[in-house]
Amino acid sequence: MNLRAIAKEIRDFPATVLFSASWLLVFAAMVALRMRELPAPSLWQVLVAGIGDGRRFGDLTLADLAAGEYWRLITCNFVHYSGVHIGMNLFAFYLLGTLLESWYGSWALVTIYGITGVGGNGLSALARTAMGSSPNVHSGGGSVVIMGLIGVCATAGWASRREGDRELTWQMLKALAITGALGLMFPRYIDNWGHAGGAVVGLPIGLAHRRLLAGAGGPRAWALGSAWLLVIVAGIAAQALADHREAGARELAALARRVDADRAAYRTLLAVKAWASRGAGDPRALVPAMTSLAPALDREPTRAAYRRLLRGASEFTRRKPSPEELAAFRADLEAVMKSTRADAADRLKEYWSLRRGTRRPAPPA
């Protein structure tokens, strides 16, 4: 697609393009944030398995709703967890979004996006609460809106009363059935209640098909679309403020995880030191022990010494080390342990300083 074609798409379907671009932007930001953490997600996780929850970007849990964070009903529609997740949703949303935008106009699509997103997620939350679902399960993605658009198209084809449009209804009903079947087959990966909620909200909207066509581009469509756009922007702003307020608690939790990791790493180093002090015993446990320390030690200033230790441990599984090799191994081990002790002490001091409130938290990343 050349630049002229892209410009035409933006001009013809600005709402669809804007929502699609916002999904991509949020996903890129989520990936960038996760790549800064230790351990960073693998390519498989980014593309398929998922990079973890999107709480900082506004995904939805029942616990968050119970705490009054109602804006997540709209912000969760922008959050995706993997390349496959966002890729499939973008494909479906772009097809349906451009279709409805060509019928009803851009402002009407904004309204439909807001109503199906908030309404579908709201119905899903009510259903999951009634069933006693875990309050800490994260949900997000544009599929709730997509199912709402499918519902709109299904009843719009019926309400148009044109024989050719009835085929659209049957196509959309088949899409609903296939999605429902996939949800039953893979309930762990698909938000069935969210899909059902989106479809239920979208179906009655399509019954107003002829009125929506008549009002396309009119003042009523503009007023409703503008109102829903303000709601969406307000939801994004509320999430940004909440994320800022949680910066201190988030930094404290991150420091606590690092302190726990320091302790675990040091215990492993003590076990390796016990083996090196004896200079005897089965060395086969050395390699997995040293490999497990890579996230903590394979970085400056311990990287060089750590990699020598890892090579030495691998070599010692094949033959008995010489006294000189064992002495060099011990020297590197002592250097790594000294650095680890110093880092752990500094982090623990920082943790307690932040917990007592004597240090201002860093601004959110």
Protein backbone atom coordinates (compact mmCIF):
# COMPACT_ATOMS: atom_id res chain seq x y z
CA MET A 1 0.00 0.00 0.00
CA ASN A 2 1.55 3.31 -1.09
CA LEU A 3 1.33 6.64 0.72
CA ARG A 4 -1.51 7.86 -1.49
CA ALA A 5 -3.59 4.80 -0.64
CA ILE A 6 -2.83 5.20 3.07
CA ALA A 7 -3.84 8.86 2.92
CA LYS A 8 -7.11 7.86 1.24
CA GLU A 9 -7.85 5.31 3.99
CA ILE A 10 -7.24 7.94 6.65
CA ARG A 11 -9.44 10.42 4.83
CA ASP A 12 -12.26 7.95 4.21
CA PHE A 13 -12.19 6.07 7.54
CA PRO A 14 -10.58 8.35 10.15
CA ALA A 15 -12.27 6.74 13.17
CA THR A 16 -11.31 3.20 12.18
CA VAL A 17 -7.73 4.25 11.46
CA LEU A 18 -7.50 6.21 14.73
CA PHE A 19 -8.70 3.31 16.88
CA SER A 20 -6.47 0.83 15.03
CA ALA A 21 -3.42 3.07 15.41
CA SER A 22 -4.15 3.54 19.13
CA TRP A 23 -4.23 -0.25 19.62
CA LEU A 24 -0.83 -0.54 17.95
CA LEU A 25 0.59 2.34 19.99
CA VAL A 26 -0.55 0.83 23.29
CA PHE A 27 0.81 -2.61 22.38
CA ALA A 28 4.17 -1.13 21.34
CA ALA A 29 4.36 0.75 24.65
CA MET A 30 3.53 -2.44 26.60
CA VAL A 31 6.26 -4.37 24.80
CA ALA A 32 8.80 -1.58 25.33
CA LEU A 33 8.01 -1.45 29.04
CA ARG A 34 8.29 -5.22 29.46
CA MET A 35 11.59 -5.34 27.57
CA ARG A 36 13.08 -3.11 30.27
CA GLU A 37 12.22 -5.64 32.97
CA LEU A 38 14.18 -8.69 34.07
CA PRO A 39 13.71 -11.20 32.67
CA ALA A 40 12.61 -9.66 29.39
CA PRO A 41 9.91 -11.54 27.48
CA SER A 42 10.99 -13.90 24.72
CA LEU A 43 9.97 -13.46 21.09
CA TRP A 44 7.50 -16.33 21.56
CA GLN A 45 5.86 -14.48 24.45
CA VAL A 46 5.64 -11.22 22.52
CA LEU A 47 4.16 -12.87 19.45
CA VAL A 48 2.04 -15.70 20.85
CA ALA A 49 2.09 -16.56 24.55
CA GLY A 50 1.57 -13.05 25.90
CA ILE A 51 3.68 -10.48 27.75
CA GLY A 52 1.70 -10.37 30.98
CA ASP A 53 -1.06 -8.16 32.28
CA GLY A 54 -1.68 -4.64 31.06
CA ARG A 55 -2.74 -3.06 34.33
CA ARG A 56 -0.65 0.06 33.76
CA PHE A 57 -2.40 0.55 30.42
CA GLY A 58 -5.94 0.08 31.69
CA ASP A 59 -6.89 -3.56 31.34
CA LEU A 60 -9.77 -4.83 33.47
CA THR A 61 -10.15 -6.94 36.61
CA LEU A 62 -13.17 -7.31 38.84
CA ALA A 63 -11.02 -6.12 41.74
CA ASP A 64 -10.28 -2.87 39.92
CA LEU A 65 -13.96 -2.31 39.23
CA ALA A 66 -14.81 -2.99 42.87
CA ALA A 67 -12.21 -0.33 43.78
CA GLY A 68 -14.09 2.21 41.66
CA GLU A 69 -11.85 2.22 38.57
CA TYR A 70 -14.79 2.25 36.18
CA TRP A 71 -12.81 3.89 33.40
CA ARG A 72 -11.22 0.49 32.73
CA LEU A 73 -14.47 -0.55 31.04
CA ILE A 74 -13.35 1.61 28.11
CA THR A 75 -9.55 1.57 28.39
CA CYS A 76 -9.38 -2.23 28.43
CA ASN A 77 -10.55 -2.24 24.82
CA PHE A 78 -7.19 -0.76 23.76
CA VAL A 79 -5.01 -3.36 25.54
CA HIS A 80 -3.68 -6.48 23.79
CA TYR A 81 -1.33 -9.11 25.16
CA SER A 82 0.47 -10.60 22.15
CA GLY A 83 1.16 -10.10 18.47
CA VAL A 84 -1.37 -12.77 17.52
CA HIS A 85 -3.98 -11.19 19.80
CA ILE A 86 -3.70 -7.72 18.31
CA GLY A 87 -3.18 -9.01 14.76
CA MET A 88 -6.41 -11.01 14.69
CA ASN A 89 -8.38 -8.22 16.33
CA LEU A 90 -6.99 -5.56 14.01
CA PHE A 91 -7.94 -7.59 10.95
CA ALA A 92 -11.52 -8.09 12.11
CA PHE A 93 -11.95 -4.56 13.43
CA TYR A 94 -10.66 -2.92 10.27
CA LEU A 95 -13.02 -4.91 8.06
CA LEU A 96 -16.08 -4.21 10.21
CA GLY A 97 -15.09 -0.69 11.24
CA THR A 98 -14.63 0.55 7.69
CA LEU A 99 -17.93 -1.05 6.69
CA LEU A 100 -19.92 0.65 9.45
CA GLU A 101 -18.04 3.93 9.05
CA SER A 102 -18.90 3.94 5.34
CA TRP A 103 -22.57 3.50 6.29
CA TYR A 104 -23.06 5.71 9.32
CA GLY A 105 -20.08 8.07 9.33
CA SER A 106 -17.10 8.49 11.65
CA TRP A 107 -18.92 10.00 14.62
CA ALA A 108 -21.44 7.19 14.69
CA LEU A 109 -18.61 4.62 14.73
CA VAL A 110 -17.07 6.39 17.74
CA THR A 111 -20.44 6.13 19.49
CA ILE A 112 -20.82 2.45 18.62
CA TYR A 113 -17.25 1.76 19.79
CA GLY A 114 -17.95 3.40 23.15
CA ILE A 115 -21.36 1.81 23.72
CA THR A 116 -20.32 -1.73 22.78
CA GLY A 117 -17.02 -1.49 24.65
CA VAL A 118 -18.42 -0.15 27.91
CA GLY A 119 -21.68 -2.08 27.70
CA GLY A 120 -20.10 -5.37 26.69
CA ASN A 121 -17.45 -5.23 29.39
CA GLY A 122 -20.03 -4.13 31.94
CA LEU A 123 -22.27 -7.13 31.17
CA SER A 124 -19.23 -9.40 31.28
CA ALA A 125 -18.23 -8.05 34.69
CA LEU A 126 -21.76 -8.57 36.03
CA ALA A 127 -21.84 -12.15 34.75
CA ARG A 128 -18.39 -13.02 36.12
CA THR A 129 -19.25 -11.49 39.48
CA ALA A 130 -22.47 -13.50 39.67
CA MET A 131 -20.55 -16.68 38.88
CA GLY A 132 -17.94 -15.99 41.54
CA SER A 133 -15.03 -15.66 39.11
CA SER A 134 -11.61 -14.68 40.38
CA PRO A 135 -11.44 -10.91 40.92
CA ASN A 136 -7.81 -10.80 39.78
CA VAL A 137 -8.13 -12.21 36.26
CA HIS A 138 -7.03 -9.57 33.72
CA SER A 139 -9.04 -9.04 30.56
CA GLY A 140 -8.47 -6.73 27.63
CA GLY A 141 -8.57 -6.44 23.88
CA GLY A 142 -10.78 -5.05 21.17
CA SER A 143 -12.71 -8.28 20.66
CA VAL A 144 -15.61 -7.06 22.84
CA VAL A 145 -16.07 -4.12 20.47
CA ILE A 146 -15.61 -6.41 17.46
CA MET A 147 -18.38 -8.70 18.68
CA GLY A 148 -20.50 -5.61 19.14
CA LEU A 149 -19.83 -4.59 15.53
CA ILE A 150 -20.74 -8.11 14.38
CA GLY A 151 -24.01 -7.77 16.32
CA VAL A 152 -24.71 -4.41 14.70
CA CYS A 153 -24.09 -5.81 11.22
CA ALA A 154 -26.25 -8.88 11.92
CA THR A 155 -29.38 -6.90 12.77
CA ALA A 156 -28.59 -4.07 10.35
CA GLY A 157 -28.73 -6.52 7.46
CA TRP A 158 -32.11 -7.69 8.73
CA ALA A 159 -33.45 -4.18 9.39
CA SER A 160 -32.50 -2.90 5.93
CA ARG A 161 -35.27 -5.04 4.42
CA ARG A 162 -33.30 -5.42 1.22
CA GLU A 163 -33.02 -9.01 0.04
CA GLY A 164 -29.32 -8.72 -0.71
CA ASP A 165 -28.53 -7.47 2.79
CA ARG A 166 -30.03 -10.55 4.45
CA GLU A 167 -26.90 -12.43 3.41
CA LEU A 168 -24.90 -10.14 5.69
CA THR A 169 -27.09 -11.19 8.59
CA TRP A 170 -26.40 -14.87 7.98
CA GLN A 171 -22.67 -14.22 7.60
CA MET A 172 -22.58 -12.36 10.92
CA LEU A 173 -24.65 -15.03 12.68
CA LYS A 174 -22.17 -17.64 11.45
CA ALA A 175 -19.31 -15.48 12.77
CA LEU A 176 -21.03 -15.33 16.16
CA ALA A 177 -21.51 -19.09 16.17
CA ILE A 178 -17.89 -19.80 15.19
CA THR A 179 -16.58 -17.39 17.83
CA GLY A 180 -18.80 -18.99 20.45
CA ALA A 181 -17.57 -22.47 19.50
CA LEU A 182 -13.94 -21.34 19.70
CA GLY A 183 -14.67 -19.82 23.09
CA LEU A 184 -16.01 -23.14 24.37
CA MET A 185 -12.96 -24.96 23.00
CA PHE A 186 -10.41 -22.49 24.43
CA PRO A 187 -12.08 -20.87 27.47
CA ARG A 188 -8.70 -20.15 29.06
CA TYR A 189 -7.65 -17.85 26.23
CA ILE A 190 -10.95 -16.31 25.13
CA ASP A 191 -13.15 -13.93 27.13
CA ASN A 192 -16.46 -15.61 26.41
CA TRP A 193 -18.48 -13.34 28.67
CA GLY A 194 -16.91 -10.27 27.09
CA HIS A 195 -17.72 -11.56 23.60
CA ALA A 196 -21.28 -12.35 24.59
CA GLY A 197 -21.69 -8.95 26.24
CA GLY A 198 -20.42 -7.10 23.18
CA ALA A 199 -22.75 -9.02 20.87
CA VAL A 200 -25.76 -8.48 23.14
CA VAL A 201 -25.13 -4.72 23.20
CA GLY A 202 -24.48 -4.52 19.46
CA LEU A 203 -27.54 -6.41 18.27
CA PRO A 204 -30.17 -3.76 19.19
CA ILE A 205 -28.05 -0.96 17.73
CA GLY A 206 -28.33 -2.55 14.29
CA LEU A 207 -32.11 -2.41 14.51
CA ALA A 208 -31.79 1.37 14.13
CA HIS A 209 -29.96 0.86 10.82
CA ARG A 210 -32.20 3.06 8.68
CA ARG A 211 -32.26 5.87 11.26
CA LEU A 212 -28.47 5.71 11.54
CA LEU A 213 -28.18 5.91 7.76
CA ALA A 214 -30.48 8.91 7.63
CA GLY A 215 -28.57 10.70 10.36
CA ALA A 216 -25.07 9.99 9.04
CA GLY A 217 -22.98 13.14 9.34
CA GLY A 218 -25.80 15.06 11.00
CA PRO A 219 -25.70 17.12 14.21
CA ARG A 220 -27.09 14.30 16.37
CA ALA A 221 -24.40 11.90 15.20
CA TRP A 222 -21.76 14.59 15.81
CA ALA A 223 -23.06 15.36 19.31
CA LEU A 224 -23.18 11.70 20.39
CA GLY A 225 -19.81 10.92 18.82
CA SER A 226 -18.20 13.94 20.45
CA ALA A 227 -19.63 12.95 23.83
CA TRP A 228 -18.28 9.41 23.55
CA LEU A 229 -14.92 10.69 22.35
CA LEU A 230 -14.75 12.83 25.49
CA VAL A 231 -15.63 9.77 27.58
CA ILE A 232 -12.81 7.79 25.95
CA VAL A 233 -10.30 10.62 26.42
CA ALA A 234 -11.43 11.06 30.04
CA GLY A 235 -10.94 7.32 30.63
CA ILE A 236 -7.42 7.48 29.23
CA ALA A 237 -6.65 10.52 31.38
CA ALA A 238 -8.04 8.78 34.49
CA GLN A 239 -5.83 5.77 33.82
CA ALA A 240 -2.77 7.99 33.37
CA LEU A 241 -3.47 9.72 36.69
CA ALA A 242 -4.02 6.41 38.47
CA ASP A 243 -0.78 5.07 37.06
CA HIS A 244 1.03 8.17 38.34
CA ARG A 245 -0.48 7.76 41.82
CA GLU A 246 0.66 4.14 41.93
CA ALA A 247 4.26 4.97 41.01
CA GLY A 248 5.52 4.74 44.59
CA ALA A 249 3.79 1.45 45.33
CA ARG A 250 4.96 0.04 42.01
CA GLU A 251 8.56 1.01 42.69
CA LEU A 252 8.35 -0.46 46.20
CA ALA A 253 7.02 -3.75 44.80
CA ALA A 254 9.76 -3.83 42.16
CA LEU A 255 12.42 -3.25 44.81
CA ALA A 256 10.91 -6.00 46.96
CA ARG A 257 11.15 -8.41 44.01
CA ARG A 258 14.77 -7.41 43.42
CA VAL A 259 15.60 -7.90 47.11
CA ASP A 260 14.04 -11.38 47.01
CA ALA A 261 15.99 -12.14 43.83
CA ASP A 262 19.22 -10.94 45.49
CA ARG A 263 18.63 -13.26 48.43
CA ALA A 264 17.90 -16.23 46.17
CA ALA A 265 21.00 -15.49 44.06
CA TYR A 266 23.20 -15.21 47.14
CA ARG A 267 21.92 -18.52 48.52
CA THR A 268 22.83 -20.15 45.22
CA LEU A 269 26.29 -18.58 45.30
CA LEU A 270 26.81 -19.89 48.84
CA ALA A 271 26.00 -23.40 47.63
CA VAL A 272 28.49 -23.01 44.76
CA LYS A 273 31.08 -21.70 47.24
CA ALA A 274 30.54 -24.75 49.45
CA TRP A 275 31.34 -27.01 46.49
CA ALA A 276 34.38 -24.93 45.50
CA SER A 277 35.71 -24.93 49.08
CA ARG A 278 35.68 -28.70 49.20
CA GLY A 279 37.06 -29.08 45.72
CA ALA A 280 35.27 -32.39 45.52
CA GLY A 281 31.82 -33.77 44.97
CA ASP A 282 29.50 -34.05 42.00
CA PRO A 283 29.88 -30.88 39.85
CA ARG A 284 26.88 -31.62 37.60
CA ALA A 285 24.62 -29.34 39.63
CA LEU A 286 26.96 -26.40 39.02
CA VAL A 287 25.85 -25.59 35.48
CA PRO A 288 22.08 -25.35 36.16
CA ALA A 289 22.83 -23.41 39.35
CA MET A 290 25.04 -20.91 37.56
CA THR A 291 22.68 -20.68 34.58
CA SER A 292 19.81 -19.73 36.90
CA LEU A 293 21.84 -16.71 38.01
CA ALA A 294 22.10 -15.20 34.51
CA PRO A 295 19.33 -12.57 34.98
CA ALA A 296 21.08 -11.25 38.11
CA LEU A 297 24.76 -11.64 37.18
CA ASP A 298 25.09 -11.55 33.39
CA ARG A 299 25.40 -7.75 33.42
CA GLU A 300 27.93 -5.19 34.55
CA PRO A 301 29.92 -5.23 36.77
CA THR A 302 29.73 -9.02 37.26
CA ARG A 303 29.31 -10.10 33.63
CA ALA A 304 32.94 -11.04 32.85
CA ALA A 305 33.51 -12.95 36.09
CA TYR A 306 30.11 -14.64 35.85
CA ARG A 307 30.76 -15.90 32.32
CA ARG A 308 34.15 -17.30 33.40
CA LEU A 309 32.39 -19.08 36.25
CA LEU A 310 29.79 -20.50 33.86
CA ARG A 311 32.49 -21.75 31.47
CA GLY A 312 34.42 -23.23 34.37
CA ALA A 313 31.35 -25.00 35.76
CA SER A 314 30.67 -26.49 32.33
CA GLU A 315 34.28 -27.66 32.03
CA PHE A 316 34.28 -29.20 35.52
CA THR A 317 31.41 -31.50 34.57
CA ARG A 318 33.71 -33.14 31.99
CA ARG A 319 36.89 -33.42 34.04
CA LYS A 320 38.33 -32.74 37.47
CA PRO A 321 39.63 -29.17 37.82
CA SER A 322 43.32 -28.53 38.46
CA PRO A 323 44.32 -26.65 41.64
CA GLU A 324 45.06 -23.55 39.57
CA GLU A 325 41.66 -23.69 37.84
CA LEU A 326 39.91 -24.19 41.14
CA ALA A 327 41.75 -21.22 42.67
CA ALA A 328 40.77 -19.00 39.72
CA PHE A 329 37.17 -20.23 40.05
CA ARG A 330 37.15 -19.32 43.75
CA ALA A 331 38.62 -15.89 43.04
CA ASP A 332 35.91 -15.10 40.47
CA LEU A 333 33.27 -16.46 42.82
CA GLU A 334 34.46 -14.21 45.65
CA ALA A 335 34.41 -11.18 43.34
CA VAL A 336 30.88 -11.94 42.21
CA MET A 337 29.70 -12.55 45.78
CA LYS A 338 31.24 -9.30 46.97
CA SER A 339 29.51 -7.33 44.23
CA THR A 340 26.22 -9.13 44.87
CA ARG A 341 26.42 -8.40 48.61
CA ALA A 342 27.07 -4.72 47.95
CA ASP A 343 24.20 -4.44 45.44
CA ALA A 344 21.83 -6.30 47.78
CA ALA A 345 22.74 -4.03 50.69
CA ASP A 346 22.18 -0.91 48.60
CA ARG A 347 18.84 -2.16 47.30
CA LEU A 348 17.67 -3.17 50.77
CA LYS A 349 18.60 0.26 52.11
CA GLU A 350 16.71 1.88 49.21
CA TYR A 351 13.71 -0.37 49.86
CA TRP A 352 13.44 0.63 53.53
CA SER A 353 14.05 4.28 52.72
CA LEU A 354 11.17 4.25 50.25
CA ARG A 355 8.94 2.25 52.59
CA ARG A 356 9.48 4.75 55.44
CA GLY A 357 8.71 7.56 53.01
CA THR A 358 12.07 9.25 53.38
CA ARG A 359 12.76 9.15 49.66
CA ARG A 360 10.49 10.43 46.94
CA PRO A 361 9.47 7.75 44.43
CA ALA A 362 10.83 7.97 40.93
CA PRO A 363 8.38 9.24 38.30
CA PRO A 364 6.51 6.50 36.42
CA ALA A 365 8.33 5.07 33.43
